[in-house]
Amino acid sequence: MHRFQIVIVLSLLAFSLPACFDGDGEREEYAVDGPMLQVLGTLQDGGAPHIGCDRPCCRNLFLRPATDRKVVCLGVTDTNADGESVGAMFESTPDFPSQLQAFQSAQDIPLDRLSVFLTHAHIGHYSGLMFLGREALGANNVDVWAMPRFREFLTTNGPWSQLVELGNIRLNSLTELQPVSIGESVRVVPLRVPHRDEYSETVGYRIEGPRHAALFIPDINKWEQWERALEEELAKVDYAFLDATFYDAEEVGYRDMAEIPHPFMVESMERLGGVPSSEKTKVYFIHLNHTNPCLDTTSQAYRTVVASGFHVARFGQTLPL
């Protein structure tokens, strides 16, 4: 069987935030042999610069976009029985074209060996499907996986239904806890999570490789509303990419969180404060709003997260599965 070895040298660009922070760049080098996971985006649905944001950092980003500012997305690769590289992207975001290009250029995965797994019907998580239509790529039967209600939504509502009718995408139904295979050795297990389900269910995923497993929950209401215990799910994996939309209540001006239900990062860290350090280091906070101070690696918030034993996910980060 063909084995691939990828060496990715990653240079993170300076981060900036509503207060116009500039973070220090970090340089990391990974050598990954076998199935791997790649972070293709870390931001909340609206991205950065954010529409309507007139703060200095957003103004600067409108003038000089940062290549590492992408909406939340993961990429996973494996090989099939013929030794060919296959892959999956988790979410189809407004940044889908550049994320697909980055993923394919690193992994050499053609569209006929790519699957897309969706979590829910909020704009940052599925609107990138539009680029597969005839106005853009005109793709041929790209496999898209979604829960039954979400699949029905995409089938019966335009313009998404046109993607199905023209054969640009091939919709596949997910069932909670029923694994779907990516290649020979990676399995994807959908997990229902509570969230604002106006048009679809919301799921996270457990991504199980031959050596390591990852949890991906970019959107969820407060952890206490989940029927599963976060600590128990964390114990099943080696990496956990968790909802970090907002750092704390001050960031959102103490708004009523019933309108925008997410666990604050400080709440997640407090909840996991008593677990061993080996469990904390599994956590990679992701899905950060453009206002989140942890986008700046020099901020006190970022330093607090790292000092507490957790991570903030970074665009381009690569981890073995």
Protein backbone atom coordinates (compact mmCIF):
# COMPACT_ATOMS: atom_id res chain seq x y z
CA MET A 1 0.00 0.00 0.00
CA HIS A 2 1.22 3.41 -0.89
CA ARG A 3 2.34 5.40 2.14
CA PHE A 4 2.67 9.12 2.04
CA GLN A 5 4.86 11.32 4.08
CA ILE A 6 4.15 14.96 4.38
CA VAL A 7 6.36 17.58 5.89
CA ILE A 8 4.54 20.82 6.48
CA VAL A 9 6.46 23.87 7.51
CA LEU A 10 3.97 26.25 8.96
CA SER A 11 4.54 29.93 9.45
CA LEU A 12 1.64 31.59 11.22
CA LEU A 13 1.04 35.19 10.28
CA ALA A 14 0.39 37.89 12.84
CA PHE A 15 -3.08 37.84 14.33
CA SER A 16 -5.16 40.95 14.87
CA LEU A 17 -8.34 41.65 16.79
CA PRO A 18 -10.97 44.31 17.51
CA ALA A 19 -8.47 46.17 19.67
CA CYS A 20 -5.96 45.88 16.80
CA PHE A 21 -3.73 43.33 18.54
CA ASP A 22 -0.75 41.90 16.69
CA GLY A 23 0.39 38.46 17.81
CA ASP A 24 3.83 36.98 17.53
CA GLY A 25 4.20 34.42 14.76
CA GLU A 26 5.14 30.85 15.64
CA ARG A 27 6.96 28.35 13.48
CA GLU A 28 6.35 24.63 13.77
CA GLU A 29 7.41 21.63 11.75
CA TYR A 30 5.52 18.35 11.57
CA ALA A 31 6.35 15.07 9.89
CA VAL A 32 3.21 12.99 9.56
CA ASP A 33 3.18 9.48 8.11
CA GLY A 34 -0.28 8.01 7.64
CA PRO A 35 -3.72 9.44 8.38
CA MET A 36 -3.62 13.05 9.49
CA LEU A 37 -5.79 15.95 10.56
CA GLN A 38 -5.22 19.51 9.41
CA VAL A 39 -6.77 22.71 10.76
CA LEU A 40 -8.11 24.65 7.77
CA GLY A 41 -9.96 27.39 9.68
CA THR A 42 -10.50 28.59 13.24
CA LEU A 43 -13.03 31.46 13.09
CA GLN A 44 -16.74 31.85 13.79
CA ASP A 45 -19.15 31.95 10.83
CA GLY A 46 -18.75 35.64 10.03
CA GLY A 47 -14.97 35.41 9.75
CA ALA A 48 -12.51 38.29 10.06
CA PRO A 49 -12.60 41.00 8.99
CA HIS A 50 -16.22 40.89 10.09
CA ILE A 51 -19.01 42.66 8.26
CA GLY A 52 -20.02 45.86 10.02
CA CYS A 53 -16.90 45.94 12.18
CA ASP A 54 -15.33 49.40 12.01
CA ARG A 55 -12.65 48.82 14.62
CA PRO A 56 -9.04 49.38 13.53
CA CYS A 57 -8.16 45.71 13.22
CA CYS A 58 -11.11 44.98 10.94
CA ARG A 59 -10.38 48.06 8.86
CA ASN A 60 -6.78 46.90 8.49
CA LEU A 61 -7.86 43.40 7.51
CA PHE A 62 -10.26 44.72 4.88
CA LEU A 63 -7.28 46.53 3.35
CA ARG A 64 -4.78 43.72 3.88
CA PRO A 65 -6.54 40.35 4.32
CA ALA A 66 -4.69 37.76 6.38
CA THR A 67 -4.29 34.36 4.76
CA ASP A 68 -4.68 32.55 8.08
CA ARG A 69 -8.09 34.06 8.86
CA LYS A 70 -10.49 31.31 7.76
CA VAL A 71 -13.84 30.11 9.07
CA VAL A 72 -13.81 26.90 11.11
CA CYS A 73 -12.88 23.80 9.12
CA LEU A 74 -10.85 20.60 9.52
CA GLY A 75 -9.33 18.37 6.86
CA VAL A 76 -8.63 14.65 7.28
CA THR A 77 -6.66 12.34 4.99
CA ASP A 78 -6.26 8.58 4.67
CA THR A 79 -5.59 6.07 1.89
CA ASN A 80 -8.02 3.68 0.21
CA ALA A 81 -7.59 -0.01 -0.66
CA ASP A 82 -5.72 0.96 -3.84
CA GLY A 83 -3.23 3.07 -1.91
CA GLU A 84 -4.69 6.36 -3.22
CA SER A 85 -5.03 9.36 -0.96
CA VAL A 86 -8.59 10.13 0.09
CA GLY A 87 -9.86 12.93 2.30
CA ALA A 88 -12.68 14.69 4.05
CA MET A 89 -13.37 18.29 4.93
CA PHE A 90 -15.45 19.03 7.99
CA GLU A 91 -17.67 22.02 7.12
CA SER A 92 -18.07 23.89 3.85
CA THR A 93 -17.44 27.49 4.80
CA PRO A 94 -17.50 30.84 3.00
CA ASP A 95 -13.73 30.29 2.69
CA PHE A 96 -14.24 26.92 0.97
CA PRO A 97 -12.34 27.78 -2.26
CA SER A 98 -9.09 28.72 -0.53
CA GLN A 99 -9.46 25.96 2.06
CA LEU A 100 -9.99 23.34 -0.63
CA GLN A 101 -6.99 24.64 -2.55
CA ALA A 102 -4.79 24.52 0.55
CA PHE A 103 -5.99 21.03 1.41
CA GLN A 104 -5.62 19.63 -2.10
CA SER A 105 -2.24 21.22 -2.74
CA ALA A 106 -0.84 19.63 0.40
CA GLN A 107 -2.52 16.24 0.02
CA ASP A 108 -3.12 15.82 -3.76
CA ILE A 109 -6.71 14.63 -3.26
CA PRO A 110 -9.03 14.99 -6.29
CA LEU A 111 -12.69 15.87 -5.80
CA ASP A 112 -13.83 12.33 -6.62
CA ARG A 113 -11.98 11.13 -3.52
CA LEU A 114 -13.16 13.94 -1.23
CA SER A 115 -16.11 13.92 1.18
CA VAL A 116 -17.65 16.86 3.03
CA PHE A 117 -19.14 16.39 6.51
CA LEU A 118 -21.49 19.11 7.74
CA THR A 119 -22.40 19.89 11.36
CA HIS A 120 -25.48 22.11 10.99
CA ALA A 121 -27.31 24.68 8.87
CA HIS A 122 -25.74 27.94 10.01
CA ILE A 123 -24.12 30.01 7.29
CA GLY A 124 -20.49 29.50 8.18
CA HIS A 125 -20.81 25.73 8.12
CA TYR A 126 -22.50 24.92 4.81
CA SER A 127 -22.75 28.00 2.57
CA GLY A 128 -19.47 27.09 0.84
CA LEU A 129 -21.39 24.37 -1.01
CA MET A 130 -22.43 27.12 -3.43
CA PHE A 131 -18.97 27.02 -4.97
CA LEU A 132 -19.60 23.46 -6.15
CA GLY A 133 -22.48 24.65 -8.37
CA ARG A 134 -22.48 25.45 -12.06
CA GLU A 135 -21.86 29.16 -11.44
CA ALA A 136 -18.45 28.18 -10.07
CA LEU A 137 -16.80 24.74 -10.10
CA GLY A 138 -19.61 22.68 -11.61
CA ALA A 139 -18.52 19.69 -9.56
CA ASN A 140 -19.62 16.12 -10.22
CA ASN A 141 -21.23 14.24 -7.33
CA VAL A 142 -19.07 15.39 -4.44
CA ASP A 143 -20.12 13.29 -1.43
CA VAL A 144 -21.76 15.46 1.22
CA TRP A 145 -22.78 13.95 4.56
CA ALA A 146 -25.52 15.46 6.72
CA MET A 147 -28.07 14.43 9.31
CA PRO A 148 -31.59 13.55 7.98
CA ARG A 149 -33.29 16.88 8.70
CA PHE A 150 -30.36 18.77 7.23
CA ARG A 151 -30.38 16.49 4.18
CA GLU A 152 -34.07 17.26 3.69
CA PHE A 153 -33.38 20.99 4.00
CA LEU A 154 -30.70 20.87 1.31
CA THR A 155 -32.92 18.77 -0.96
CA THR A 156 -36.04 20.92 -0.76
CA ASN A 157 -34.67 24.49 -0.55
CA GLY A 158 -32.97 26.43 -3.33
CA PRO A 159 -30.31 27.14 -4.28
CA TRP A 160 -29.01 24.03 -2.50
CA SER A 161 -31.55 21.75 -4.17
CA GLN A 162 -30.08 22.69 -7.55
CA LEU A 163 -26.75 21.24 -6.47
CA VAL A 164 -28.55 17.93 -5.92
CA GLU A 165 -30.63 18.12 -9.10
CA LEU A 166 -27.60 18.87 -11.28
CA GLY A 167 -25.48 16.21 -9.61
CA ASN A 168 -22.94 18.68 -8.26
CA ILE A 169 -23.23 17.01 -4.86
CA ARG A 170 -24.40 13.59 -3.73
CA LEU A 171 -26.19 13.79 -0.38
CA ASN A 172 -25.66 11.02 2.16
CA SER A 173 -27.56 10.65 5.43
CA LEU A 174 -25.81 10.36 8.75
CA THR A 175 -27.18 8.50 11.76
CA GLU A 176 -26.08 9.42 15.25
CA LEU A 177 -23.33 7.13 16.57
CA GLN A 178 -23.19 5.19 13.27
CA PRO A 179 -19.61 5.42 11.90
CA VAL A 180 -18.75 6.38 8.34
CA SER A 181 -15.39 5.33 6.92
CA ILE A 182 -12.85 7.62 5.28
CA GLY A 183 -10.43 5.37 3.45
CA GLU A 184 -9.09 2.23 5.07
CA SER A 185 -8.44 3.30 8.63
CA VAL A 186 -10.36 6.45 9.64
CA ARG A 187 -13.94 6.46 10.94
CA VAL A 188 -16.25 9.41 11.54
CA VAL A 189 -18.90 9.13 14.27
CA PRO A 190 -21.61 11.85 14.47
CA LEU A 191 -22.70 13.01 17.94
CA ARG A 192 -25.87 15.09 18.43
CA VAL A 193 -25.32 18.29 20.40
CA PRO A 194 -27.79 20.96 21.58
CA HIS A 195 -27.72 24.17 19.57
CA ARG A 196 -30.06 26.54 17.70
CA ASP A 197 -31.61 24.06 15.30
CA GLU A 198 -33.76 26.31 13.11
CA TYR A 199 -33.20 24.34 9.90
CA SER A 200 -31.32 21.20 10.89
CA GLU A 201 -29.96 19.09 13.66
CA THR A 202 -26.53 19.96 15.05
CA VAL A 203 -23.79 17.39 15.42
CA GLY A 204 -20.19 17.20 16.40
CA TYR A 205 -17.89 14.42 15.28
CA ARG A 206 -15.53 11.93 16.79
CA ILE A 207 -12.85 11.24 14.19
CA GLU A 208 -11.12 7.92 14.88
CA GLY A 209 -7.80 7.08 13.27
CA PRO A 210 -5.58 4.01 13.71
CA ARG A 211 -3.40 5.78 16.30
CA HIS A 212 -5.31 8.79 17.56
CA ALA A 213 -8.84 10.16 17.76
CA ALA A 214 -10.23 13.70 17.70
CA LEU A 215 -13.43 15.35 18.91
CA PHE A 216 -14.82 18.22 16.83
CA ILE A 217 -17.58 20.34 18.39
CA PRO A 218 -17.42 23.83 16.88
CA ASP A 219 -20.93 24.83 18.02
CA ILE A 220 -22.85 23.83 21.13
CA ASN A 221 -25.01 25.43 23.79
CA LYS A 222 -23.75 25.37 27.36
CA TRP A 223 -22.02 22.11 28.24
CA GLU A 224 -24.57 21.45 30.99
CA GLN A 225 -27.29 21.08 28.33
CA TRP A 226 -25.51 18.21 26.59
CA GLU A 227 -26.67 14.73 27.51
CA ARG A 228 -23.08 13.60 27.38
CA ALA A 229 -20.40 14.58 29.89
CA LEU A 230 -17.63 16.60 28.28
CA GLU A 231 -15.08 14.98 30.58
CA GLU A 232 -16.11 11.48 29.46
CA GLU A 233 -15.97 12.40 25.77
CA LEU A 234 -12.59 14.04 26.28
CA ALA A 235 -11.25 10.81 27.78
CA LYS A 236 -12.08 8.94 24.53
CA VAL A 237 -9.89 11.10 22.29
CA ASP A 238 -6.41 12.56 21.93
CA TYR A 239 -7.48 15.97 20.60
CA ALA A 240 -10.66 17.95 21.25
CA PHE A 241 -11.55 20.94 19.06
CA LEU A 242 -14.14 22.73 21.19
CA ASP A 243 -16.47 25.71 20.74
CA ALA A 244 -14.62 28.87 21.79
CA THR A 245 -16.81 31.49 20.13
CA PHE A 246 -16.50 33.93 23.02
CA TYR A 247 -13.89 34.26 25.74
CA ASP A 248 -16.15 35.65 28.48
CA ALA A 249 -19.32 37.65 29.16
CA GLU A 250 -17.49 40.98 29.01
CA GLU A 251 -16.58 40.32 25.39
CA VAL A 252 -20.26 40.23 24.38
CA GLY A 253 -21.28 43.17 26.56
CA TYR A 254 -23.09 40.85 28.97
CA ARG A 255 -25.76 40.13 26.37
CA ASP A 256 -28.50 37.59 26.97
CA MET A 257 -26.79 34.36 25.93
CA ALA A 258 -30.15 32.81 25.05
CA GLU A 259 -29.75 34.67 21.75
CA ILE A 260 -26.23 33.38 21.10
CA PRO A 261 -25.82 30.24 23.24
CA HIS A 262 -22.21 29.15 23.44
CA PRO A 263 -19.97 28.09 26.34
CA PHE A 264 -17.56 30.88 27.21
CA MET A 265 -13.94 29.77 27.11
CA VAL A 266 -13.58 30.70 30.77
CA GLU A 267 -16.54 28.41 31.57
CA SER A 268 -15.01 25.50 29.66
CA MET A 269 -11.68 25.99 31.40
CA GLU A 270 -13.39 26.19 34.79
CA ARG A 271 -15.35 23.02 34.09
CA LEU A 272 -12.16 21.17 33.12
CA GLY A 273 -10.09 22.78 35.83
CA GLY A 274 -10.00 19.62 37.93
CA VAL A 275 -9.04 17.13 35.23
CA PRO A 276 -5.41 15.96 34.92
CA SER A 277 -3.07 18.10 32.83
CA SER A 278 -2.87 15.23 30.33
CA GLU A 279 -6.58 15.81 29.62
CA LYS A 280 -6.37 19.59 29.44
CA THR A 281 -3.62 19.46 26.83
CA LYS A 282 -6.00 17.62 24.50
CA VAL A 283 -8.18 20.73 24.17
CA TYR A 284 -7.78 23.00 21.13
CA PHE A 285 -10.24 25.89 21.29
CA ILE A 286 -11.76 26.69 17.89
CA HIS A 287 -14.59 28.70 16.23
CA LEU A 288 -13.42 32.04 17.66
CA ASN A 289 -15.51 35.13 17.04
CA HIS A 290 -13.66 38.09 15.53
CA THR A 291 -13.96 39.79 18.94
CA ASN A 292 -12.27 36.96 20.84
CA PRO A 293 -9.03 38.23 22.43
CA CYS A 294 -7.47 34.78 22.10
CA LEU A 295 -6.92 35.46 18.41
CA ASP A 296 -4.04 37.58 19.63
CA THR A 297 -1.20 35.43 20.96
CA THR A 298 0.14 38.35 23.03
CA SER A 299 -3.14 39.01 24.87
CA GLN A 300 -3.65 38.24 28.55
CA ALA A 301 -6.58 35.99 27.61
CA TYR A 302 -4.39 33.89 25.32
CA ARG A 303 -1.68 33.66 27.95
CA THR A 304 -4.26 32.55 30.52
CA VAL A 305 -5.50 29.76 28.25
CA VAL A 306 -1.99 28.46 27.61
CA ALA A 307 -0.92 28.81 31.24
CA SER A 308 -4.00 26.80 32.23
CA GLY A 309 -2.81 23.90 30.08
CA PHE A 310 -5.05 24.33 27.02
CA HIS A 311 -4.43 25.25 23.37
CA VAL A 312 -5.95 27.65 20.86
CA ALA A 313 -6.22 25.99 17.44
CA ARG A 314 -4.09 27.52 14.70
CA PHE A 315 -4.64 27.60 10.95
CA GLY A 316 -2.41 25.04 9.24
CA GLN A 317 -1.84 22.96 12.34
CA THR A 318 -1.30 19.28 11.49
CA LEU A 319 -1.82 16.33 13.83
CA PRO A 320 -1.49 12.57 13.27
CA LEU A 321 -4.48 10.25 13.37
